[in-house]
Amino acid sequence: MKPEYLEQRLLIAMPSMSDPNFRHGVTLLCQHNDEGALGINIHQSSSMRVGEVLAQLDLQCDDDIIVNMPVLTGGPVQPERGFVLHNGRLQGQPHTWESSLQLHADLLLSTSRDILVDIAHGRGPDQFLIALGYSGWGAGQLEAELLENAWLNAQLDSELIFNSPPGERWRKALDSIGVHHPDQISWTAGHA
């Protein structure tokens, strides 16, 4: 029997999750296979702003909106590594950047400098978020956590990712799967 993987899904932390990296968190699962899983947390802003990230790369940006955008804490693994979650459009037209992984019909993950150069010069994607770090699970680790009832999952939702403040994404993700009262969720898994 082929295992079921959760690529292109949102992992939603159960209310009982105590790990500060994931408490009241939502993680966009980018890759999940027999070797493990990689995701980007989308629920927590860091103290950094996009302008600081661009300045570290010697990129000047004159757009105050972009400069002051928060950078997400993408996860505890390699917090110095940057990721750009974005749609595939530039001024409404399809566009591609180097080193982009297609996650969904109109959601990509890029790690190359060219997209940051375009963002700095006002030629970036129509919608984007920048995150530092990622969340990773070894082979079988995420599956074990799912069996322990640590996570719920939901369909990927670009509206939630790009148009909701980071601090509201956990509640909105729960609402998307019909959980309106998270305090009433049982953290113990049932077994038949």
C-alpha atoms as a PDB file:
ATOM      1  CA  MET A   1       0.000   0.000   0.000  1.00  0.00           C
ATOM      2  CA  LYS A   2       1.371   3.406  -1.000  1.00  0.00           C
ATOM      3  CA  PRO A   3       1.728   5.819   1.929  1.00  0.00           C
ATOM      4  CA  GLU A   4      -0.288   9.025   1.819  1.00  0.00           C
ATOM      5  CA  TYR A   5       1.748  12.192   2.014  1.00  0.00           C
ATOM      6  CA  LEU A   6       0.544  15.661   2.867  1.00  0.00           C
ATOM      7  CA  GLU A   7       2.381  17.849   0.376  1.00  0.00           C
ATOM      8  CA  GLN A   8       0.563  21.043  -0.448  1.00  0.00           C
ATOM      9  CA  ARG A   9      -1.427  20.959   2.773  1.00  0.00           C
ATOM     10  CA  LEU A  10      -1.530  23.167   5.835  1.00  0.00           C
ATOM     11  CA  LEU A  11      -0.523  21.558   9.115  1.00  0.00           C
ATOM     12  CA  ILE A  12      -2.474  23.067  11.992  1.00  0.00           C
ATOM     13  CA  ALA A  13      -1.067  22.631  15.480  1.00  0.00           C
ATOM     14  CA  MET A  14      -3.450  21.141  18.011  1.00  0.00           C
ATOM     15  CA  PRO A  15      -4.316  23.515  20.874  1.00  0.00           C
ATOM     16  CA  SER A  16      -2.267  21.329  23.223  1.00  0.00           C
ATOM     17  CA  MET A  17       0.959  21.851  21.208  1.00  0.00           C
ATOM     18  CA  SER A  18       3.531  23.208  23.655  1.00  0.00           C
ATOM     19  CA  ASP A  19       6.553  23.587  21.341  1.00  0.00           C
ATOM     20  CA  PRO A  20       6.963  27.384  20.989  1.00  0.00           C
ATOM     21  CA  ASN A  21       7.910  26.962  17.303  1.00  0.00           C
ATOM     22  CA  PHE A  22       4.471  25.544  16.539  1.00  0.00           C
ATOM     23  CA  ARG A  23       2.124  26.681  19.338  1.00  0.00           C
ATOM     24  CA  HIS A  24      -1.044  28.038  17.708  1.00  0.00           C
ATOM     25  CA  GLY A  25       0.763  27.549  14.449  1.00  0.00           C
ATOM     26  CA  VAL A  26       0.163  26.819  10.814  1.00  0.00           C
ATOM     27  CA  THR A  27       2.839  25.244   8.655  1.00  0.00           C
ATOM     28  CA  LEU A  28       2.651  25.105   4.876  1.00  0.00           C
ATOM     29  CA  LEU A  29       3.907  21.620   4.035  1.00  0.00           C
ATOM     30  CA  CYS A  30       6.087  22.004   0.939  1.00  0.00           C
ATOM     31  CA  GLN A  31       7.532  18.499   0.672  1.00  0.00           C
ATOM     32  CA  HIS A  32       6.518  15.228   2.312  1.00  0.00           C
ATOM     33  CA  ASN A  33       7.830  11.867   1.186  1.00  0.00           C
ATOM     34  CA  ASP A  34       9.446   8.713   2.547  1.00  0.00           C
ATOM     35  CA  GLU A  35      12.595  10.700   3.410  1.00  0.00           C
ATOM     36  CA  GLY A  36      10.773  13.211   5.624  1.00  0.00           C
ATOM     37  CA  ALA A  37       8.989  16.532   5.381  1.00  0.00           C
ATOM     38  CA  LEU A  38       9.779  20.224   4.955  1.00  0.00           C
ATOM     39  CA  GLY A  39       7.434  23.069   5.760  1.00  0.00           C
ATOM     40  CA  ILE A  40       7.366  26.830   6.246  1.00  0.00           C
ATOM     41  CA  ASN A  41       5.649  28.211   9.338  1.00  0.00           C
ATOM     42  CA  ILE A  42       3.321  31.031   8.325  1.00  0.00           C
ATOM     43  CA  HIS A  43       1.910  32.062  11.702  1.00  0.00           C
ATOM     44  CA  GLN A  44       4.676  34.051  13.354  1.00  0.00           C
ATOM     45  CA  SER A  45       6.348  37.312  12.363  1.00  0.00           C
ATOM     46  CA  SER A  46       9.942  37.828  13.379  1.00  0.00           C
ATOM     47  CA  SER A  47      11.346  41.161  14.552  1.00  0.00           C
ATOM     48  CA  MET A  48      12.969  41.604  11.116  1.00  0.00           C
ATOM     49  CA  ARG A  49      11.511  43.537   8.243  1.00  0.00           C
ATOM     50  CA  VAL A  50      11.929  42.831   4.528  1.00  0.00           C
ATOM     51  CA  GLY A  51      14.045  45.982   4.174  1.00  0.00           C
ATOM     52  CA  GLU A  52      16.632  44.501   6.563  1.00  0.00           C
ATOM     53  CA  VAL A  53      16.831  41.275   4.559  1.00  0.00           C
ATOM     54  CA  LEU A  54      17.267  43.228   1.333  1.00  0.00           C
ATOM     55  CA  ALA A  55      19.918  45.486   2.920  1.00  0.00           C
ATOM     56  CA  GLN A  56      21.913  42.410   4.032  1.00  0.00           C
ATOM     57  CA  LEU A  57      22.020  41.422   0.363  1.00  0.00           C
ATOM     58  CA  ASP A  58      23.073  44.955  -0.678  1.00  0.00           C
ATOM     59  CA  LEU A  59      19.693  45.546  -2.327  1.00  0.00           C
ATOM     60  CA  GLN A  60      18.123  48.982  -2.049  1.00  0.00           C
ATOM     61  CA  CYS A  61      14.325  49.290  -1.955  1.00  0.00           C
ATOM     62  CA  ASP A  62      12.475  52.609  -1.978  1.00  0.00           C
ATOM     63  CA  ASP A  63       8.977  51.193  -1.433  1.00  0.00           C
ATOM     64  CA  ASP A  64       8.093  51.769   2.236  1.00  0.00           C
ATOM     65  CA  ILE A  65       5.353  49.143   2.126  1.00  0.00           C
ATOM     66  CA  ILE A  66       7.836  46.442   1.067  1.00  0.00           C
ATOM     67  CA  VAL A  67      10.611  47.701   3.365  1.00  0.00           C
ATOM     68  CA  ASN A  68       8.299  47.521   6.397  1.00  0.00           C
ATOM     69  CA  MET A  69       6.723  44.137   5.654  1.00  0.00           C
ATOM     70  CA  PRO A  70       7.392  41.625   8.438  1.00  0.00           C
ATOM     71  CA  VAL A  71       9.608  38.625   7.802  1.00  0.00           C
ATOM     72  CA  LEU A  72       8.124  35.349   9.018  1.00  0.00           C
ATOM     73  CA  THR A  73       9.860  32.923  11.332  1.00  0.00           C
ATOM     74  CA  GLY A  74       9.689  30.006   8.910  1.00  0.00           C
ATOM     75  CA  GLY A  75      10.916  27.440  11.414  1.00  0.00           C
ATOM     76  CA  PRO A  76      13.746  26.471  13.715  1.00  0.00           C
ATOM     77  CA  VAL A  77      15.942  24.803  11.071  1.00  0.00           C
ATOM     78  CA  GLN A  78      18.557  26.978   9.326  1.00  0.00           C
ATOM     79  CA  PRO A  79      17.090  30.316  10.497  1.00  0.00           C
ATOM     80  CA  GLU A  80      19.581  32.162   8.289  1.00  0.00           C
ATOM     81  CA  ARG A  81      18.149  30.611   5.119  1.00  0.00           C
ATOM     82  CA  GLY A  82      15.525  32.639   3.262  1.00  0.00           C
ATOM     83  CA  PHE A  83      12.418  31.498   1.424  1.00  0.00           C
ATOM     84  CA  VAL A  84       9.928  33.468  -0.631  1.00  0.00           C
ATOM     85  CA  LEU A  85       6.351  32.150  -0.816  1.00  0.00           C
ATOM     86  CA  HIS A  86       4.643  33.816  -3.746  1.00  0.00           C
ATOM     87  CA  ASN A  87       2.134  33.587  -6.518  1.00  0.00           C
ATOM     88  CA  GLY A  88       3.349  33.182 -10.088  1.00  0.00           C
ATOM     89  CA  ARG A  89       2.187  36.544 -11.380  1.00  0.00           C
ATOM     90  CA  LEU A  90       3.857  39.874 -12.009  1.00  0.00           C
ATOM     91  CA  GLN A  91       1.355  42.673 -12.529  1.00  0.00           C
ATOM     92  CA  GLY A  92      -1.322  40.086 -13.204  1.00  0.00           C
ATOM     93  CA  GLN A  93       0.651  38.211 -15.872  1.00  0.00           C
ATOM     94  CA  PRO A  94       2.270  34.763 -15.432  1.00  0.00           C
ATOM     95  CA  HIS A  95       5.950  35.031 -14.550  1.00  0.00           C
ATOM     96  CA  THR A  96       8.703  32.670 -13.401  1.00  0.00           C
ATOM     97  CA  TRP A  97      11.783  33.087 -11.239  1.00  0.00           C
ATOM     98  CA  GLU A  98      14.816  30.813 -10.832  1.00  0.00           C
ATOM     99  CA  SER A  99      14.829  28.047  -8.208  1.00  0.00           C
ATOM    100  CA  SER A 100      11.060  28.002  -7.788  1.00  0.00           C
ATOM    101  CA  LEU A 101       9.171  24.955  -6.597  1.00  0.00           C
ATOM    102  CA  GLN A 102       5.527  24.820  -7.689  1.00  0.00           C
ATOM    103  CA  LEU A 103       3.505  24.022  -4.552  1.00  0.00           C
ATOM    104  CA  HIS A 104       0.030  24.547  -5.944  1.00  0.00           C
ATOM    105  CA  ALA A 105      -1.663  26.006  -9.016  1.00  0.00           C
ATOM    106  CA  ASP A 106      -0.651  29.552  -8.079  1.00  0.00           C
ATOM    107  CA  LEU A 107       1.727  29.154  -5.150  1.00  0.00           C
ATOM    108  CA  LEU A 108       5.478  28.797  -5.463  1.00  0.00           C
ATOM    109  CA  LEU A 109       8.452  28.655  -3.123  1.00  0.00           C
ATOM    110  CA  SER A 110      11.630  30.368  -4.316  1.00  0.00           C
ATOM    111  CA  THR A 111      15.103  30.508  -2.839  1.00  0.00           C
ATOM    112  CA  SER A 112      17.051  32.415  -5.482  1.00  0.00           C
ATOM    113  CA  ARG A 113      18.366  35.958  -5.404  1.00  0.00           C
ATOM    114  CA  ASP A 114      16.588  37.014  -8.624  1.00  0.00           C
ATOM    115  CA  ILE A 115      13.193  37.191  -6.941  1.00  0.00           C
ATOM    116  CA  LEU A 116      14.602  39.353  -4.130  1.00  0.00           C
ATOM    117  CA  VAL A 117      16.199  41.685  -6.691  1.00  0.00           C
ATOM    118  CA  ASP A 118      12.835  42.006  -8.432  1.00  0.00           C
ATOM    119  CA  ILE A 119      11.041  42.613  -5.115  1.00  0.00           C
ATOM    120  CA  ALA A 120      13.548  45.340  -4.212  1.00  0.00           C
ATOM    121  CA  HIS A 121      13.026  47.030  -7.585  1.00  0.00           C
ATOM    122  CA  GLY A 122       9.232  46.834  -7.519  1.00  0.00           C
ATOM    123  CA  ARG A 123       9.074  44.009 -10.065  1.00  0.00           C
ATOM    124  CA  GLY A 124       8.278  41.214  -7.633  1.00  0.00           C
ATOM    125  CA  PRO A 125       5.318  38.860  -7.595  1.00  0.00           C
ATOM    126  CA  ASP A 126       1.857  40.275  -6.988  1.00  0.00           C
ATOM    127  CA  GLN A 127       1.678  38.464  -3.632  1.00  0.00           C
ATOM    128  CA  PHE A 128       4.619  37.269  -1.550  1.00  0.00           C
ATOM    129  CA  LEU A 129       5.862  36.513   1.949  1.00  0.00           C
ATOM    130  CA  ILE A 130       9.470  36.132   3.044  1.00  0.00           C
ATOM    131  CA  ALA A 131      10.402  33.627   5.747  1.00  0.00           C
ATOM    132  CA  LEU A 132      13.684  32.783   7.431  1.00  0.00           C
ATOM    133  CA  GLY A 133      14.220  29.165   8.406  1.00  0.00           C
ATOM    134  CA  TYR A 134      12.047  26.129   7.890  1.00  0.00           C
ATOM    135  CA  SER A 135      10.514  23.225   9.788  1.00  0.00           C
ATOM    136  CA  GLY A 136      11.804  19.763   9.067  1.00  0.00           C
ATOM    137  CA  TRP A 137      10.912  16.202  10.012  1.00  0.00           C
ATOM    138  CA  GLY A 138      12.994  13.075   9.467  1.00  0.00           C
ATOM    139  CA  ALA A 139      11.661   9.911   7.846  1.00  0.00           C
ATOM    140  CA  GLY A 140       8.500   8.812   9.628  1.00  0.00           C
ATOM    141  CA  GLN A 141       8.665  11.610  12.221  1.00  0.00           C
ATOM    142  CA  LEU A 142       5.699  13.625  10.948  1.00  0.00           C
ATOM    143  CA  GLU A 143       3.640  10.460  10.491  1.00  0.00           C
ATOM    144  CA  ALA A 144       4.327   9.576  14.143  1.00  0.00           C
ATOM    145  CA  GLU A 145       3.280  13.071  15.257  1.00  0.00           C
ATOM    146  CA  LEU A 146       0.077  12.759  13.245  1.00  0.00           C
ATOM    147  CA  LEU A 147      -0.670   9.427  14.940  1.00  0.00           C
ATOM    148  CA  GLU A 148      -0.056  11.100  18.303  1.00  0.00           C
ATOM    149  CA  ASN A 149      -2.722  13.665  17.362  1.00  0.00           C
ATOM    150  CA  ALA A 150      -0.316  16.636  17.373  1.00  0.00           C
ATOM    151  CA  TRP A 151      -1.609  18.059  14.075  1.00  0.00           C
ATOM    152  CA  LEU A 152      -4.722  18.649  12.046  1.00  0.00           C
ATOM    153  CA  ASN A 153      -4.454  19.387   8.346  1.00  0.00           C
ATOM    154  CA  ALA A 154      -6.346  21.478   5.842  1.00  0.00           C
ATOM    155  CA  GLN A 155      -6.284  22.246   2.157  1.00  0.00           C
ATOM    156  CA  LEU A 156      -3.800  24.842   1.046  1.00  0.00           C
ATOM    157  CA  ASP A 157      -5.482  28.252   1.003  1.00  0.00           C
ATOM    158  CA  SER A 158      -3.732  31.150  -0.759  1.00  0.00           C
ATOM    159  CA  GLU A 159      -6.266  33.607   0.656  1.00  0.00           C
ATOM    160  CA  LEU A 160      -5.314  32.604   4.210  1.00  0.00           C
ATOM    161  CA  ILE A 161      -1.580  32.739   3.384  1.00  0.00           C
ATOM    162  CA  PHE A 162      -1.492  36.131   1.687  1.00  0.00           C
ATOM    163  CA  ASN A 163      -4.493  38.035   3.038  1.00  0.00           C
ATOM    164  CA  SER A 164      -4.595  37.160   6.736  1.00  0.00           C
ATOM    165  CA  PRO A 165      -2.316  38.626   9.403  1.00  0.00           C
ATOM    166  CA  PRO A 166       0.117  35.974  10.708  1.00  0.00           C
ATOM    167  CA  GLY A 167      -1.409  36.006  14.195  1.00  0.00           C
ATOM    168  CA  GLU A 168      -4.866  35.161  12.807  1.00  0.00           C
ATOM    169  CA  ARG A 169      -3.854  32.281  10.533  1.00  0.00           C
ATOM    170  CA  TRP A 170      -4.207  29.524  13.146  1.00  0.00           C
ATOM    171  CA  ARG A 171      -7.835  30.441  13.934  1.00  0.00           C
ATOM    172  CA  LYS A 172      -8.688  30.909  10.264  1.00  0.00           C
ATOM    173  CA  ALA A 173      -7.124  27.547   9.367  1.00  0.00           C
ATOM    174  CA  LEU A 174      -9.160  25.869  12.105  1.00  0.00           C
ATOM    175  CA  ASP A 175     -12.307  27.622  10.894  1.00  0.00           C
ATOM    176  CA  SER A 176     -11.605  26.319   7.377  1.00  0.00           C
ATOM    177  CA  ILE A 177     -12.006  22.730   8.626  1.00  0.00           C
ATOM    178  CA  GLY A 178     -15.047  23.481  10.782  1.00  0.00           C
ATOM    179  CA  VAL A 179     -13.283  23.815  14.148  1.00  0.00           C
ATOM    180  CA  HIS A 180     -14.771  26.966  15.653  1.00  0.00           C
ATOM    181  CA  HIS A 181     -14.015  26.202  19.308  1.00  0.00           C
ATOM    182  CA  PRO A 182     -10.423  24.879  19.528  1.00  0.00           C
ATOM    183  CA  ASP A 183     -10.629  24.551  23.311  1.00  0.00           C
ATOM    184  CA  GLN A 184     -13.154  21.760  22.795  1.00  0.00           C
ATOM    185  CA  ILE A 185     -10.842  19.573  20.680  1.00  0.00           C
ATOM    186  CA  SER A 186      -9.662  16.410  22.369  1.00  0.00           C
ATOM    187  CA  TRP A 187      -5.902  16.012  22.180  1.00  0.00           C
ATOM    188  CA  THR A 188      -6.066  12.256  22.680  1.00  0.00           C
ATOM    189  CA  ALA A 189      -6.388  10.080  19.609  1.00  0.00           C
ATOM    190  CA  GLY A 190      -9.103   7.482  19.529  1.00  0.00           C
ATOM    191  CA  HIS A 191      -8.398   3.861  18.649  1.00  0.00           C
ATOM    192  CA  ALA A 192     -10.914   1.283  17.545  1.00  0.00           C
END
